[in-house]
Protein backbone atom coordinates (compact mmCIF):
# COMPACT_ATOMS: atom_id res chain seq x y z
CA MET A 1 -106.53 -10.51 -24.49
CA ARG A 2 -104.52 -11.48 -21.30
CA GLN A 3 -105.66 -15.22 -21.90
CA THR A 4 -104.75 -14.96 -25.56
CA LEU A 5 -101.15 -13.62 -24.65
CA ASP A 6 -100.90 -16.49 -21.87
CA PHE A 7 -101.74 -19.01 -24.26
CA LEU A 8 -99.29 -17.73 -26.68
CA GLU A 9 -96.63 -17.50 -24.13
CA SER A 10 -97.08 -21.03 -23.10
CA PHE A 11 -97.20 -22.36 -26.55
CA VAL A 12 -94.13 -20.61 -27.48
CA MET A 13 -92.24 -22.03 -24.54
CA ILE A 14 -93.73 -25.70 -25.33
CA ALA A 15 -92.30 -25.21 -28.91
CA PHE A 16 -88.80 -24.07 -27.74
CA ALA A 17 -88.91 -27.07 -25.16
CA LEU A 18 -89.60 -29.58 -27.82
CA ALA A 19 -87.10 -28.10 -30.30
CA GLY A 20 -84.51 -28.57 -27.37
CA LEU A 21 -85.46 -31.72 -26.71
CA ALA A 22 -85.20 -32.84 -30.06
CA GLY A 23 -81.94 -30.94 -30.69
CA ILE A 24 -80.53 -32.61 -27.57
CA SER A 25 -81.77 -36.24 -28.57
CA TYR A 26 -80.56 -36.03 -32.01
CA HIS A 27 -77.04 -34.71 -30.79
CA LEU A 28 -76.82 -37.46 -27.98
CA PHE A 29 -78.25 -40.50 -29.82
CA ARG A 30 -76.67 -39.99 -33.44
CA ASP A 31 -73.75 -41.89 -34.67
CA ASP A 32 -70.60 -40.06 -33.42
CA GLY A 33 -73.01 -38.52 -31.15
CA TRP A 34 -72.45 -36.77 -27.29
CA LEU A 35 -73.42 -40.33 -26.05
CA GLU A 36 -70.89 -42.13 -27.93
CA ALA A 37 -68.10 -39.77 -27.26
CA ILE A 38 -68.59 -39.79 -23.65
CA VAL A 39 -69.23 -43.55 -23.27
CA GLY A 40 -66.39 -44.44 -25.44
CA ASN A 41 -64.00 -42.15 -23.79
CA ALA A 42 -64.96 -43.22 -20.30
CA TRP A 43 -64.95 -47.18 -21.44
CA ASP A 44 -61.64 -46.76 -22.51
CA TYR A 45 -60.15 -44.89 -19.40
CA THR A 46 -61.73 -47.50 -17.23
CA ILE A 47 -60.21 -50.37 -19.29
CA ARG A 48 -56.67 -48.96 -19.26
CA TYR A 49 -56.97 -47.86 -15.39
CA PRO A 50 -59.73 -50.39 -14.08
CA LEU A 51 -58.90 -49.43 -10.19
CA ILE A 52 -59.90 -45.70 -10.59
CA ALA A 53 -63.47 -46.48 -11.28
CA LEU A 54 -64.18 -48.21 -8.03
CA PRO A 55 -63.56 -45.28 -5.61
CA LEU A 56 -65.40 -43.09 -7.94
CA ILE A 57 -68.40 -45.02 -8.18
CA ALA A 58 -68.42 -45.60 -4.37
CA GLY A 59 -68.14 -41.83 -3.87
CA ALA A 60 -70.59 -41.17 -6.10
CA LEU A 61 -73.00 -43.36 -4.48
CA ILE A 62 -72.28 -42.16 -0.98
CA PHE A 63 -72.50 -38.40 -1.90
CA GLY A 64 -75.85 -39.15 -3.86
CA LYS A 65 -77.36 -40.81 -0.84
CA MET A 66 -76.32 -38.16 1.43
CA TRP A 67 -77.54 -35.39 -0.96
CA ARG A 68 -81.13 -37.33 -1.29
CA ASP A 69 -81.29 -37.77 2.46
CA ASP A 70 -80.56 -34.16 3.30
CA ARG A 71 -83.05 -32.89 0.78
CA VAL A 72 -85.86 -35.23 1.49
CA ALA A 73 -85.29 -34.72 5.50
CA HIS A 74 -85.60 -30.77 5.37
CA GLY A 75 -88.27 -30.61 2.83
CA LYS A 76 -85.89 -28.54 0.43
CA GLN A 77 -87.69 -30.28 -2.74
CA SER A 78 -88.95 -27.12 -4.74
CA SER A 79 -90.44 -26.40 -8.02
CA LYS A 80 -87.67 -23.77 -8.70
CA THR A 81 -85.34 -26.74 -10.20
CA GLY A 82 -88.09 -27.77 -12.49
CA ALA A 83 -88.76 -24.42 -14.05
CA ALA A 84 -84.82 -23.92 -14.41
CA VAL A 85 -84.49 -27.17 -16.33
CA LEU A 86 -87.62 -26.11 -18.50
CA TYR A 87 -85.92 -22.64 -19.35
CA ILE A 88 -82.41 -24.58 -20.01
CA ILE A 89 -84.20 -26.68 -22.61
CA SER A 90 -86.21 -24.10 -23.97
CA ALA A 91 -83.04 -21.92 -24.28
CA ALA A 92 -81.46 -25.18 -26.07
CA GLY A 93 -84.55 -24.94 -28.28
CA VAL A 94 -83.77 -21.52 -29.33
CA TYR A 95 -80.28 -22.17 -30.12
CA PHE A 96 -81.11 -25.22 -32.34
CA ILE A 97 -83.93 -23.37 -33.98
CA GLY A 98 -81.70 -20.51 -34.44
CA HIS A 99 -78.75 -22.60 -35.57
CA TYR A 100 -81.14 -24.63 -38.26
CA ALA A 101 -82.57 -21.29 -39.55
CA LEU A 102 -79.36 -19.80 -40.24
CA ARG A 103 -77.12 -23.02 -41.19
CA GLY A 104 -79.82 -25.16 -42.71
CA THR A 105 -78.56 -28.24 -40.13
CA LEU A 106 -78.89 -29.26 -36.55
């Protein structure tokens, strides 16, 4: 009985995660989607004010390298982050499944 419940739990989690990935990718890559809005706005902003992009990119690279070196040097790479990402994507899957069930669209 315990094995059956474990299997059903993992099956439901995978189904929710796949639905979350499908919903996120649909909204991200469709015409007038999230990616087009983000890249379009960022591109428009950097075209109008090009010198603002240089310190932001440099700062992002420096802080990213510092963060990565600190985590690798102190062994702070844990599986808790992976589990949190899985739960967030699964929650998105629950949202997209519920939205599709109630409204009929993603």
